[in-house]
């Protein structure tokens, strides 16, 4: 059975079809939740909440997008709700007074040599910097630059306009470049 048939069958109440859909997306949902929250227990909880939401709302899925796109949106929403509960943990890159967002640095993210990105130390620094991003920026950065979705797909998943995605992505990249630069100045 292809995915479209599975969805139709699951919508009609077939528990086996729903189980297959959950199994098909279990790793994807967990991995994305983990990339955002970096905590296995929280990622597991978000995964469970995502699938509970999917089961409750599958009848609302209209098929205009891929099921994976719809699930990424649900994961992102659950991660953002979770993060709002723990808002004090994140650095705000909207607040220029904190000196973390250097808007004068405009070199493209893509300009970083691949061989540097493969460097373990840089990966650790980057991972730490990503964790400092507020969840709203982290979700956009991860969808666009890590998962490789287009700006339009990222907007659809996060329910943001394309300009809002571009703005958040630009700010996230600038923040991360600044964090990497600060780490190498030490």
N, C-alpha and C. Protein backbone atom coordinates (compact mmCIF):
# COMPACT_ATOMS: atom_id res chain seq x y z
N UNK A 1 0.84 -1.18 0.00
CA UNK A 1 0.00 0.00 0.00
C UNK A 1 0.89 1.24 0.00
N UNK A 2 0.63 2.18 -0.90
CA UNK A 2 1.43 3.41 -0.91
C UNK A 2 0.93 4.35 0.20
N UNK A 3 1.65 5.43 0.42
CA UNK A 3 1.33 6.31 1.54
C UNK A 3 -0.07 6.93 1.40
N UNK A 4 -0.43 7.31 0.22
CA UNK A 4 -1.75 7.91 0.00
C UNK A 4 -2.87 6.93 0.41
N UNK A 5 -2.70 5.68 0.03
CA UNK A 5 -3.68 4.65 0.40
C UNK A 5 -3.67 4.39 1.90
N UNK A 6 -2.47 4.39 2.50
CA UNK A 6 -2.36 4.21 3.95
C UNK A 6 -3.11 5.32 4.69
N UNK A 7 -2.92 6.55 4.23
CA UNK A 7 -3.57 7.70 4.87
C UNK A 7 -5.09 7.57 4.76
N UNK A 8 -5.55 7.24 3.57
CA UNK A 8 -7.00 7.08 3.36
C UNK A 8 -7.56 5.97 4.27
N UNK A 9 -6.84 4.87 4.33
CA UNK A 9 -7.28 3.74 5.17
C UNK A 9 -7.24 4.11 6.65
N UNK A 10 -6.19 4.82 7.06
CA UNK A 10 -6.08 5.25 8.46
C UNK A 10 -7.19 6.24 8.81
N UNK A 11 -7.52 7.12 7.88
CA UNK A 11 -8.61 8.08 8.11
C UNK A 11 -9.94 7.37 8.34
N UNK A 12 -10.10 6.21 7.72
CA UNK A 12 -11.35 5.46 7.87
C UNK A 12 -11.38 4.67 9.18
N UNK A 13 -10.31 4.76 9.97
CA UNK A 13 -10.29 4.11 11.28
C UNK A 13 -9.47 2.84 11.37
N UNK A 14 -8.76 2.50 10.32
CA UNK A 14 -7.95 1.28 10.33
C UNK A 14 -6.70 1.50 11.20
N UNK A 15 -6.66 0.78 12.31
CA UNK A 15 -5.56 0.95 13.26
C UNK A 15 -4.24 0.42 12.72
N UNK A 16 -4.30 -0.62 11.90
CA UNK A 16 -3.06 -1.16 11.32
C UNK A 16 -2.41 -0.13 10.39
N UNK A 17 -3.22 0.54 9.59
CA UNK A 17 -2.70 1.57 8.69
C UNK A 17 -2.09 2.71 9.49
N UNK A 18 -2.75 3.10 10.59
CA UNK A 18 -2.23 4.17 11.44
C UNK A 18 -0.90 3.74 12.05
N UNK A 19 -0.81 2.49 12.47
CA UNK A 19 0.43 1.96 13.05
C UNK A 19 1.56 2.00 12.03
N UNK A 20 1.26 1.64 10.79
CA UNK A 20 2.27 1.67 9.74
C UNK A 20 2.76 3.12 9.52
N UNK A 21 1.83 4.08 9.50
CA UNK A 21 2.22 5.49 9.33
C UNK A 21 3.13 5.93 10.48
N UNK A 22 2.76 5.57 11.69
CA UNK A 22 3.58 5.95 12.85
C UNK A 22 4.97 5.32 12.72
N UNK A 23 5.03 4.04 12.42
CA UNK A 23 6.33 3.36 12.27
C UNK A 23 7.17 3.99 11.15
N UNK A 24 6.51 4.37 10.05
CA UNK A 24 7.23 4.97 8.92
C UNK A 24 7.89 6.30 9.29
N UNK A 25 7.29 7.04 10.23
CA UNK A 25 7.78 8.37 10.55
C UNK A 25 8.39 8.49 11.95
N UNK A 26 8.44 7.40 12.66
CA UNK A 26 8.94 7.41 14.04
C UNK A 26 10.35 8.00 14.15
N UNK A 27 11.27 7.51 13.37
CA UNK A 27 12.66 7.99 13.43
C UNK A 27 12.77 9.44 12.98
N UNK A 28 12.08 9.79 11.92
CA UNK A 28 12.13 11.17 11.40
C UNK A 28 11.64 12.15 12.44
N UNK A 29 10.50 11.84 13.05
CA UNK A 29 9.91 12.74 14.06
C UNK A 29 10.82 12.83 15.28
N UNK A 30 11.31 11.71 15.77
CA UNK A 30 12.19 11.74 16.94
C UNK A 30 13.46 12.53 16.64
N UNK A 31 14.09 12.24 15.51
CA UNK A 31 15.35 12.91 15.17
C UNK A 31 15.18 14.42 15.06
N UNK A 32 14.10 14.85 14.44
CA UNK A 32 13.89 16.29 14.31
C UNK A 32 13.61 16.91 15.68
N UNK A 33 12.80 16.26 16.49
CA UNK A 33 12.52 16.77 17.84
C UNK A 33 13.82 16.84 18.64
N UNK A 34 14.66 15.82 18.50
CA UNK A 34 15.93 15.82 19.24
C UNK A 34 16.84 16.94 18.77
N UNK A 35 16.88 17.19 17.46
CA UNK A 35 17.73 18.28 16.95
C UNK A 35 17.32 19.62 17.52
N UNK A 36 16.04 19.77 17.78
CA UNK A 36 15.57 21.05 18.32
C UNK A 36 15.82 21.14 19.82
N UNK A 37 15.44 20.11 20.57
CA UNK A 37 15.51 20.23 22.03
C UNK A 37 16.77 19.63 22.65
N UNK A 38 17.48 18.76 21.93
CA UNK A 38 18.75 18.15 22.38
C UNK A 38 18.62 17.43 23.71
N UNK A 39 17.47 16.86 23.94
CA UNK A 39 17.23 16.12 25.17
C UNK A 39 16.42 14.89 24.79
N UNK A 40 16.97 13.68 25.01
CA UNK A 40 16.27 12.47 24.58
C UNK A 40 14.88 12.31 25.18
N UNK A 41 14.75 12.64 26.45
CA UNK A 41 13.44 12.50 27.10
C UNK A 41 12.42 13.48 26.52
N UNK A 42 12.84 14.73 26.35
CA UNK A 42 11.93 15.72 25.75
C UNK A 42 11.60 15.35 24.32
N UNK A 43 12.59 14.86 23.57
CA UNK A 43 12.34 14.46 22.18
C UNK A 43 11.35 13.30 22.14
N UNK A 44 11.48 12.37 23.05
CA UNK A 44 10.54 11.24 23.13
C UNK A 44 9.13 11.74 23.44
N UNK A 45 9.02 12.65 24.39
CA UNK A 45 7.71 13.22 24.73
C UNK A 45 7.10 13.97 23.55
N UNK A 46 7.92 14.74 22.86
CA UNK A 46 7.44 15.49 21.70
C UNK A 46 7.01 14.54 20.60
N UNK A 47 7.78 13.46 20.42
CA UNK A 47 7.39 12.47 19.42
C UNK A 47 6.03 11.88 19.76
N UNK A 48 5.83 11.52 21.01
CA UNK A 48 4.55 10.97 21.42
C UNK A 48 3.42 11.97 21.23
N UNK A 49 3.66 13.21 21.60
CA UNK A 49 2.65 14.27 21.42
C UNK A 49 2.34 14.47 19.93
N UNK A 50 3.37 14.38 19.10
CA UNK A 50 3.19 14.55 17.66
C UNK A 50 2.29 13.45 17.10
N UNK A 51 2.56 12.23 17.47
CA UNK A 51 1.75 11.13 16.95
C UNK A 51 0.34 11.14 17.55
N UNK A 52 0.20 11.57 18.78
CA UNK A 52 -1.12 11.73 19.35
C UNK A 52 -1.90 12.79 18.56
N UNK A 53 -1.24 13.90 18.25
CA UNK A 53 -1.87 14.94 17.43
C UNK A 53 -2.22 14.41 16.05
N UNK A 54 -1.31 13.61 15.47
CA UNK A 54 -1.57 13.05 14.15
C UNK A 54 -2.82 12.16 14.19
N UNK A 55 -2.90 11.31 15.19
CA UNK A 55 -4.04 10.39 15.30
C UNK A 55 -5.34 11.17 15.46
N UNK A 56 -5.32 12.19 16.30
CA UNK A 56 -6.52 13.00 16.54
C UNK A 56 -6.91 13.83 15.33
N UNK A 57 -5.94 14.26 14.55
CA UNK A 57 -6.21 15.24 13.50
C UNK A 57 -6.01 14.73 12.08
N UNK A 58 -5.73 13.47 11.91
CA UNK A 58 -5.47 12.96 10.56
C UNK A 58 -6.63 13.26 9.60
N UNK A 59 -7.84 13.27 10.14
CA UNK A 59 -9.00 13.57 9.29
C UNK A 59 -8.93 14.98 8.70
N UNK A 60 -8.13 15.86 9.31
CA UNK A 60 -7.97 17.23 8.81
C UNK A 60 -6.86 17.34 7.76
N UNK A 61 -6.04 16.32 7.64
CA UNK A 61 -4.96 16.34 6.66
C UNK A 61 -5.59 16.29 5.27
N UNK A 62 -5.33 17.33 4.47
CA UNK A 62 -6.00 17.44 3.17
C UNK A 62 -5.20 16.88 2.00
N UNK A 63 -3.97 16.47 2.24
CA UNK A 63 -3.17 15.89 1.18
C UNK A 63 -2.57 16.89 0.21
N UNK A 64 -2.73 18.18 0.48
CA UNK A 64 -2.14 19.20 -0.41
C UNK A 64 -0.62 19.26 -0.26
N UNK A 65 -0.14 18.80 0.88
CA UNK A 65 1.31 18.70 1.10
C UNK A 65 1.61 17.25 1.41
N UNK A 66 2.89 16.96 1.55
CA UNK A 66 3.28 15.61 1.94
C UNK A 66 2.92 15.41 3.41
N UNK A 67 2.70 14.18 3.80
CA UNK A 67 2.44 13.88 5.21
C UNK A 67 3.65 14.29 6.05
N UNK A 68 4.85 14.10 5.52
CA UNK A 68 6.05 14.48 6.27
C UNK A 68 6.07 15.98 6.55
N UNK A 69 5.65 16.78 5.60
CA UNK A 69 5.59 18.24 5.79
C UNK A 69 4.63 18.57 6.92
N UNK A 70 3.49 17.93 6.91
CA UNK A 70 2.48 18.14 7.94
C UNK A 70 3.03 17.72 9.30
N UNK A 71 3.74 16.59 9.36
CA UNK A 71 4.31 16.12 10.63
C UNK A 71 5.42 17.04 11.13
N UNK A 72 6.26 17.56 10.22
CA UNK A 72 7.30 18.51 10.64
C UNK A 72 6.64 19.73 11.29
N UNK A 73 5.53 20.18 10.74
CA UNK A 73 4.82 21.32 11.30
C UNK A 73 4.34 20.99 12.72
N UNK A 74 3.79 19.80 12.90
CA UNK A 74 3.31 19.39 14.22
C UNK A 74 4.47 19.31 15.20
N UNK A 75 5.58 18.70 14.79
CA UNK A 75 6.76 18.60 15.66
C UNK A 75 7.23 20.00 16.04
N UNK A 76 7.35 20.87 15.04
CA UNK A 76 7.82 22.23 15.31
C UNK A 76 6.90 22.93 16.30
N UNK A 77 5.60 22.79 16.11
CA UNK A 77 4.66 23.43 17.03
C UNK A 77 4.80 22.89 18.44
N UNK A 78 4.94 21.57 18.58
CA UNK A 78 5.11 20.99 19.92
C UNK A 78 6.43 21.44 20.54
N UNK A 79 7.48 21.51 19.75
CA UNK A 79 8.78 21.96 20.28
C UNK A 79 8.69 23.42 20.72
N UNK A 80 8.01 24.24 19.93
CA UNK A 80 7.87 25.65 20.30
C UNK A 80 7.02 25.82 21.56
N UNK A 81 5.97 25.03 21.68
CA UNK A 81 5.15 25.09 22.90
C UNK A 81 5.99 24.68 24.11
N UNK A 82 6.78 23.63 23.96
CA UNK A 82 7.65 23.16 25.03
C UNK A 82 8.66 24.24 25.39
N UNK A 83 9.21 24.87 24.38
CA UNK A 83 10.24 25.90 24.61
C UNK A 83 9.66 27.12 25.31
N UNK A 84 8.42 27.46 24.99
CA UNK A 84 7.80 28.61 25.66
C UNK A 84 7.70 28.40 27.16
N UNK A 85 7.56 27.14 27.55
CA UNK A 85 7.51 26.82 28.98
C UNK A 85 8.87 27.05 29.62
N UNK A 86 9.93 26.95 28.83
CA UNK A 86 11.30 27.06 29.36
C UNK A 86 12.04 28.22 28.70
N UNK A 87 11.33 29.31 28.45
CA UNK A 87 11.85 30.43 27.68
C UNK A 87 13.18 30.98 28.20
N UNK A 88 13.42 30.94 29.49
CA UNK A 88 14.63 31.51 30.07
C UNK A 88 15.91 30.82 29.62
N UNK A 89 15.82 29.65 29.00
CA UNK A 89 17.01 28.89 28.63
C UNK A 89 17.70 29.40 27.35
N UNK A 90 17.03 30.26 26.61
CA UNK A 90 17.53 30.60 25.28
C UNK A 90 17.97 32.06 25.17
N UNK A 91 18.94 32.30 24.31
CA UNK A 91 19.41 33.64 24.01
C UNK A 91 18.48 34.24 22.97
N UNK A 92 18.12 35.49 23.16
CA UNK A 92 17.29 36.16 22.17
C UNK A 92 18.19 36.86 21.17
N UNK A 93 18.06 36.51 19.91
CA UNK A 93 18.87 37.21 18.90
C UNK A 93 18.10 38.38 18.32
N UNK A 94 16.88 38.61 18.83
CA UNK A 94 16.13 39.80 18.42
C UNK A 94 16.57 41.01 19.22
N UNK A 95 17.23 40.79 20.33
CA UNK A 95 17.65 41.85 21.21
C UNK A 95 19.09 42.24 20.88
N UNK A 96 19.26 43.29 20.10
CA UNK A 96 20.59 43.69 19.66
C UNK A 96 21.45 44.22 20.80
N UNK A 97 20.83 44.58 21.93
CA UNK A 97 21.59 45.09 23.06
C UNK A 97 22.52 44.04 23.66
N UNK A 98 22.19 42.77 23.48
CA UNK A 98 23.03 41.73 24.09
C UNK A 98 24.32 41.50 23.32
N UNK A 99 24.46 42.13 22.16
CA UNK A 99 25.70 42.05 21.41
C UNK A 99 25.98 40.73 20.73
N UNK A 100 25.01 39.88 20.69
CA UNK A 100 25.24 38.56 20.10
C UNK A 100 24.95 38.53 18.61
N UNK A 101 24.12 39.43 18.15
CA UNK A 101 23.74 39.44 16.74
C UNK A 101 24.53 40.52 16.03
N UNK A 102 25.44 40.12 15.18
CA UNK A 102 26.28 41.06 14.46
C UNK A 102 25.74 41.22 13.05
N UNK A 103 24.90 42.23 12.85
CA UNK A 103 24.26 42.41 11.54
C UNK A 103 25.23 42.95 10.50
N UNK A 104 26.41 43.38 10.91
CA UNK A 104 27.37 43.90 9.94
C UNK A 104 28.10 42.77 9.20
N UNK A 105 27.99 41.56 9.71
CA UNK A 105 28.68 40.43 9.09
C UNK A 105 27.73 39.80 8.09
N UNK A 106 28.02 39.94 6.80
CA UNK A 106 27.09 39.48 5.77
C UNK A 106 27.63 38.39 4.86
N UNK A 107 28.79 37.83 5.16
CA UNK A 107 29.31 36.76 4.30
C UNK A 107 28.34 35.58 4.34
N UNK A 108 28.16 34.95 3.21
CA UNK A 108 27.19 33.86 3.13
C UNK A 108 27.60 32.66 3.95
N UNK A 109 26.61 32.01 4.54
CA UNK A 109 26.84 30.77 5.30
C UNK A 109 27.50 29.74 4.40
N UNK A 110 27.09 29.74 3.14
CA UNK A 110 27.61 28.76 2.19
C UNK A 110 29.09 28.98 1.90
N UNK A 111 29.63 30.16 2.26
CA UNK A 111 31.02 30.48 1.97
C UNK A 111 31.99 29.71 2.87
N UNK A 112 31.48 29.06 3.90
CA UNK A 112 32.37 28.31 4.79
C UNK A 112 32.89 27.07 4.07
N UNK A 113 34.18 26.85 4.04
CA UNK A 113 34.72 25.67 3.36
C UNK A 113 34.20 24.38 3.99
N UNK A 114 33.87 23.43 3.17
CA UNK A 114 33.34 22.16 3.64
C UNK A 114 34.33 21.46 4.55
N UNK A 115 35.60 21.57 4.23
CA UNK A 115 36.58 20.87 5.06
C UNK A 115 36.62 21.41 6.48
N UNK A 116 36.27 22.67 6.68
CA UNK A 116 36.22 23.22 8.03
C UNK A 116 35.00 22.67 8.77
N UNK A 117 33.88 22.57 8.07
CA UNK A 117 32.66 22.06 8.70
C UNK A 117 32.86 20.63 9.17
N UNK A 118 33.71 19.89 8.48
CA UNK A 118 33.97 18.51 8.87
C UNK A 118 34.84 18.41 10.12
N UNK A 119 35.38 19.52 10.51
CA UNK A 119 36.24 19.56 11.69
C UNK A 119 35.41 19.31 12.94
N UNK A 120 35.80 18.35 13.75
CA UNK A 120 35.04 17.96 14.94
C UNK A 120 34.87 19.13 15.91
N UNK A 121 35.90 19.89 16.12
CA UNK A 121 35.82 21.02 17.05
C UNK A 121 34.78 22.02 16.59
N UNK A 122 34.76 22.30 15.31
CA UNK A 122 33.78 23.25 14.78
C UNK A 122 32.36 22.70 14.93
N UNK A 123 32.21 21.41 14.70
CA UNK A 123 30.89 20.81 14.88
C UNK A 123 30.40 20.98 16.30
N UNK A 124 31.29 20.80 17.26
CA UNK A 124 30.91 20.97 18.67
C UNK A 124 30.55 22.41 18.96
N UNK A 125 31.33 23.34 18.44
CA UNK A 125 31.06 24.76 18.64
C UNK A 125 29.72 25.12 17.98
N UNK A 126 29.52 24.63 16.78
CA UNK A 126 28.27 24.90 16.07
C UNK A 126 27.08 24.32 16.81
N UNK A 127 27.22 23.11 17.31
CA UNK A 127 26.13 22.48 18.06
C UNK A 127 25.78 23.31 19.30
N UNK A 128 26.81 23.77 20.01
CA UNK A 128 26.57 24.62 21.18
C UNK A 128 25.89 25.92 20.78
N UNK A 129 26.32 26.51 19.68
CA UNK A 129 25.71 27.76 19.21
C UNK A 129 24.27 27.55 18.80
N UNK A 130 23.99 26.45 18.12
CA UNK A 130 22.61 26.16 17.71
C UNK A 130 21.71 26.05 18.93
N UNK A 131 22.23 25.46 20.01
CA UNK A 131 21.43 25.33 21.23
C UNK A 131 21.14 26.67 21.89
N UNK A 132 21.94 27.68 21.59
CA UNK A 132 21.70 29.02 22.14
C UNK A 132 20.61 29.77 21.37
N UNK A 133 20.33 29.32 20.15
CA UNK A 133 19.27 29.97 19.37
C UNK A 133 17.93 29.77 20.05
N UNK A 134 17.09 30.78 19.97
CA UNK A 134 15.73 30.59 20.48
C UNK A 134 15.06 29.55 19.58
N UNK A 135 14.12 28.79 20.11
CA UNK A 135 13.49 27.72 19.32
C UNK A 135 12.89 28.20 18.00
N UNK A 136 12.35 29.40 17.97
CA UNK A 136 11.75 29.92 16.74
C UNK A 136 12.78 30.02 15.61
N UNK A 137 14.01 30.40 15.97
CA UNK A 137 15.07 30.50 14.97
C UNK A 137 15.70 29.13 14.71
N UNK A 138 15.82 28.34 15.77
CA UNK A 138 16.42 27.01 15.63
C UNK A 138 15.61 26.13 14.68
N UNK A 139 14.29 26.17 14.81
CA UNK A 139 13.44 25.35 13.95
C UNK A 139 13.65 25.73 12.49
N UNK A 140 13.64 27.03 12.19
CA UNK A 140 13.82 27.48 10.81
C UNK A 140 15.20 27.08 10.30
N UNK A 141 16.24 27.30 11.10
CA UNK A 141 17.60 26.94 10.69
C UNK A 141 17.71 25.45 10.42
N UNK A 142 17.19 24.62 11.33
CA UNK A 142 17.30 23.18 11.16
C UNK A 142 16.52 22.68 9.94
N UNK A 143 15.32 23.20 9.74
CA UNK A 143 14.54 22.77 8.57
C UNK A 143 15.24 23.17 7.28
N UNK A 144 15.72 24.39 7.23
CA UNK A 144 16.27 24.93 5.98
C UNK A 144 17.70 24.43 5.73
N UNK A 145 18.57 24.59 6.71
CA UNK A 145 19.99 24.33 6.48
C UNK A 145 20.45 22.93 6.86
N UNK A 146 19.76 22.27 7.76
CA UNK A 146 20.17 20.93 8.16
C UNK A 146 19.34 19.88 7.42
N UNK A 147 18.02 20.04 7.45
CA UNK A 147 17.15 19.08 6.78
C UNK A 147 17.09 19.32 5.27
N UNK A 148 17.42 20.53 4.82
CA UNK A 148 17.50 20.82 3.39
C UNK A 148 16.18 21.16 2.70
N UNK A 149 15.18 21.56 3.47
CA UNK A 149 13.91 21.95 2.87
C UNK A 149 14.04 23.32 2.24
N UNK A 150 13.22 23.60 1.24
CA UNK A 150 13.23 24.90 0.59
C UNK A 150 12.64 25.95 1.53
N UNK A 151 12.83 27.21 1.20
CA UNK A 151 12.27 28.30 1.99
C UNK A 151 10.75 28.19 2.03
N UNK A 152 10.16 27.86 0.90
CA UNK A 152 8.71 27.73 0.82
C UNK A 152 8.21 26.57 1.69
N UNK A 153 8.91 25.43 1.63
CA UNK A 153 8.53 24.28 2.45
C UNK A 153 8.69 24.60 3.94
N UNK A 154 9.77 25.29 4.27
CA UNK A 154 10.00 25.68 5.66
C UNK A 154 8.88 26.60 6.13
N UNK A 155 8.48 27.53 5.28
CA UNK A 155 7.38 28.42 5.63
C UNK A 155 6.08 27.66 5.85
N UNK A 156 5.83 26.69 5.00
CA UNK A 156 4.62 25.88 5.14
C UNK A 156 4.65 25.09 6.44
N UNK A 157 5.80 24.51 6.77
CA UNK A 157 5.91 23.70 7.97
C UNK A 157 5.80 24.53 9.24
N UNK A 158 6.29 25.75 9.20
CA UNK A 158 6.30 26.59 10.39
C UNK A 158 5.15 27.59 10.40
N UNK A 159 4.37 27.58 9.33
CA UNK A 159 3.25 28.51 9.15
C UNK A 159 3.73 29.96 9.18
N UNK A 160 4.89 30.19 8.54
CA UNK A 160 5.47 31.52 8.41
C UNK A 160 5.46 31.92 6.94
N UNK A 161 5.47 33.21 6.69
CA UNK A 161 5.59 33.68 5.32
C UNK A 161 7.03 33.45 4.85
N UNK A 162 7.24 33.44 3.55
CA UNK A 162 8.59 33.27 3.01
C UNK A 162 9.51 34.38 3.51
N UNK A 163 9.07 35.66 3.51
CA UNK A 163 9.96 36.70 4.05
C UNK A 163 10.31 36.48 5.53
N UNK A 164 9.37 35.98 6.30
CA UNK A 164 9.65 35.73 7.72
C UNK A 164 10.67 34.61 7.87
N UNK A 165 10.55 33.57 7.04
CA UNK A 165 11.53 32.47 7.07
C UNK A 165 12.90 33.02 6.71
N UNK A 166 12.97 33.80 5.66
CA UNK A 166 14.26 34.37 5.22
C UNK A 166 14.87 35.24 6.31
N UNK A 167 14.04 36.04 6.96
CA UNK A 167 14.53 36.92 8.02
C UNK A 167 15.07 36.12 9.19
N UNK A 168 14.31 35.13 9.63
CA UNK A 168 14.77 34.31 10.76
C UNK A 168 16.02 33.52 10.40
N UNK A 169 16.07 33.02 9.17
CA UNK A 169 17.23 32.27 8.73
C UNK A 169 18.46 33.18 8.68
N UNK A 170 18.29 34.39 8.15
CA UNK A 170 19.40 35.34 8.09
C UNK A 170 19.92 35.65 9.49
N UNK A 171 19.02 35.91 10.42
CA UNK A 171 19.42 36.23 11.78
C UNK A 171 20.08 35.03 12.47
N UNK A 172 19.52 33.85 12.24
CA UNK A 172 20.10 32.64 12.84
C UNK A 172 21.51 32.40 12.32
N UNK A 173 21.68 32.53 11.01
CA UNK A 173 23.00 32.33 10.42
C UNK A 173 24.00 33.36 10.93
N UNK A 174 23.57 34.62 11.01
CA UNK A 174 24.46 35.67 11.50
C UNK A 174 24.85 35.40 12.95
N UNK A 175 23.90 35.00 13.76
CA UNK A 175 24.17 34.67 15.16
C UNK A 175 25.17 33.52 15.25
N UNK A 176 24.96 32.48 14.45
CA UNK A 176 25.84 31.32 14.49
C UNK A 176 27.25 31.67 14.01
N UNK A 177 27.35 32.47 12.94
CA UNK A 177 28.67 32.92 12.48
C UNK A 177 29.39 33.68 13.58
N UNK A 178 28.64 34.55 14.25
CA UNK A 178 29.23 35.35 15.33
C UNK A 178 29.71 34.45 16.47
N UNK A 179 28.91 33.46 16.83
CA UNK A 179 29.29 32.53 17.89
C UNK A 179 30.54 31.73 17.51
N UNK A 180 30.61 31.30 16.26
CA UNK A 180 31.78 30.55 15.79
C UNK A 180 33.01 31.45 15.80
N UNK A 181 32.86 32.68 15.33
CA UNK A 181 33.98 33.62 15.33
C UNK A 181 34.48 33.87 16.76
N UNK A 182 33.54 34.06 17.69
CA UNK A 182 33.93 34.30 19.10
C UNK A 182 34.67 33.09 19.65
N UNK A 183 34.24 31.89 19.30
CA UNK A 183 34.89 30.68 19.82
C UNK A 183 36.32 30.57 19.32
N UNK A 184 36.58 31.01 18.09
CA UNK A 184 37.93 30.89 17.54
C UNK A 184 38.83 32.06 17.94
N UNK A 185 38.24 33.10 18.51
CA UNK A 185 39.06 34.23 19.00
C UNK A 185 39.69 33.92 20.34
N UNK A 186 39.16 32.91 21.02
CA UNK A 186 39.67 32.57 22.37
C UNK A 186 41.07 32.02 22.32
